[in-house]
């Protein structure tokens, strides 16, 4: 080993032990496709999301927006005479 510092840590300089290489290459005796199917069957069923509450909220907001827009259009103006007439400019 060198006495100077290197850019790699001490563990990376050493070769990987044989037992660790063997564990990484070990093939499982369990079938991965069958295990995935079993997990999917054991998982609790997912409830579908209901759409009606979302549609009702969107419809309520649309109706209120239309009501406010109608009120803005049909409401009488706040000033009945022109500002220039009120100041006496015309």
Protein backbone atom coordinates (compact mmCIF):
# COMPACT_ATOMS: atom_id res chain seq x y z
CA UNK A 1 0.00 0.00 0.00
CA UNK A 2 1.15 3.47 -0.76
CA UNK A 3 1.62 5.94 2.03
CA UNK A 4 0.12 8.80 -0.03
CA UNK A 5 -3.60 9.50 -0.37
CA UNK A 6 -5.45 8.36 -3.47
CA UNK A 7 -8.80 9.39 -4.83
CA UNK A 8 -10.34 5.94 -4.21
CA UNK A 9 -11.43 4.74 -0.74
CA UNK A 10 -9.62 1.83 0.87
CA UNK A 11 -12.42 -0.66 0.17
CA UNK A 12 -12.47 0.12 -3.55
CA UNK A 13 -8.74 -0.65 -3.88
CA UNK A 14 -9.17 -4.22 -2.66
CA UNK A 15 -10.62 -6.97 -4.86
CA UNK A 16 -14.14 -8.21 -4.10
CA UNK A 17 -14.12 -11.33 -1.88
CA UNK A 18 -15.28 -14.56 -3.51
CA UNK A 19 -18.21 -15.00 -1.13
CA UNK A 20 -19.67 -11.66 -2.17
CA UNK A 21 -19.26 -12.45 -5.84
CA UNK A 22 -21.04 -15.76 -5.30
CA UNK A 23 -23.94 -14.13 -3.47
CA UNK A 24 -24.42 -11.62 -6.26
CA UNK A 25 -24.63 -14.35 -8.89
CA UNK A 26 -26.88 -16.76 -6.98
CA UNK A 27 -30.11 -17.51 -8.84
CA UNK A 28 -33.27 -17.59 -6.77
CA UNK A 29 -35.26 -20.81 -6.61
CA UNK A 30 -38.49 -18.80 -6.65
CA UNK A 31 -40.15 -17.89 -9.91
CA UNK A 32 -40.21 -14.11 -10.13
CA UNK A 33 -43.29 -14.02 -12.40
CA UNK A 34 -45.25 -16.27 -10.04
CA UNK A 35 -44.18 -14.16 -7.06
CA UNK A 36 -45.30 -10.98 -8.79
CA UNK A 37 -48.68 -12.56 -9.57
CA UNK A 38 -49.06 -13.71 -5.94
CA UNK A 39 -48.25 -10.21 -4.65
CA UNK A 40 -50.80 -8.72 -7.04
CA UNK A 41 -53.47 -11.19 -5.89
CA UNK A 42 -52.72 -10.56 -2.21
CA UNK A 43 -52.75 -6.77 -2.55
CA UNK A 44 -55.96 -5.12 -1.38
CA UNK A 45 -58.27 -4.20 -4.26
CA UNK A 46 -58.03 -0.60 -5.37
CA UNK A 47 -61.30 1.31 -5.33
CA UNK A 48 -62.00 3.27 -8.48
CA UNK A 49 -62.15 7.00 -7.97
CA UNK A 50 -65.58 8.53 -8.23
CA UNK A 51 -66.01 11.23 -10.85
CA UNK A 52 -69.36 12.68 -9.74
CA UNK A 53 -68.06 14.81 -6.83
CA UNK A 54 -65.46 16.41 -9.09
CA UNK A 55 -68.02 17.09 -11.83
CA UNK A 56 -70.48 18.54 -9.31
CA UNK A 57 -67.83 20.92 -7.93
CA UNK A 58 -66.82 22.01 -11.43
CA UNK A 59 -70.46 22.58 -12.38
CA UNK A 60 -71.08 24.64 -9.23
CA UNK A 61 -68.06 26.81 -9.96
CA UNK A 62 -69.13 27.27 -13.58
CA UNK A 63 -72.67 28.30 -12.56
CA UNK A 64 -71.35 30.77 -9.99
CA UNK A 65 -68.93 32.26 -12.53
CA UNK A 66 -71.75 32.68 -15.04
CA UNK A 67 -73.96 34.27 -12.38
CA UNK A 68 -71.28 36.80 -11.45
CA UNK A 69 -70.61 37.58 -15.12
CA UNK A 70 -74.32 38.12 -15.75
CA UNK A 71 -74.57 40.39 -12.71
CA UNK A 72 -71.61 42.44 -13.93
CA UNK A 73 -73.20 42.90 -17.36
CA UNK A 74 -76.75 43.62 -16.21
CA UNK A 75 -75.94 45.82 -13.20
CA UNK A 76 -76.47 49.54 -13.73
CA UNK A 77 -73.33 51.67 -13.89
CA UNK A 78 -72.18 53.37 -10.71
CA UNK A 79 -71.88 56.81 -12.35
CA UNK A 80 -74.94 58.00 -14.21
CA UNK A 81 -73.25 60.94 -15.88
CA UNK A 82 -69.94 61.32 -17.63
CA UNK A 83 -66.98 62.42 -15.52
CA UNK A 84 -66.26 65.34 -17.88
CA UNK A 85 -69.79 66.69 -17.39
CA UNK A 86 -69.46 66.40 -13.64
CA UNK A 87 -66.26 68.48 -13.63
CA UNK A 88 -67.77 71.07 -15.92
CA UNK A 89 -65.19 70.54 -18.64
CA UNK A 90 -67.79 70.18 -21.33
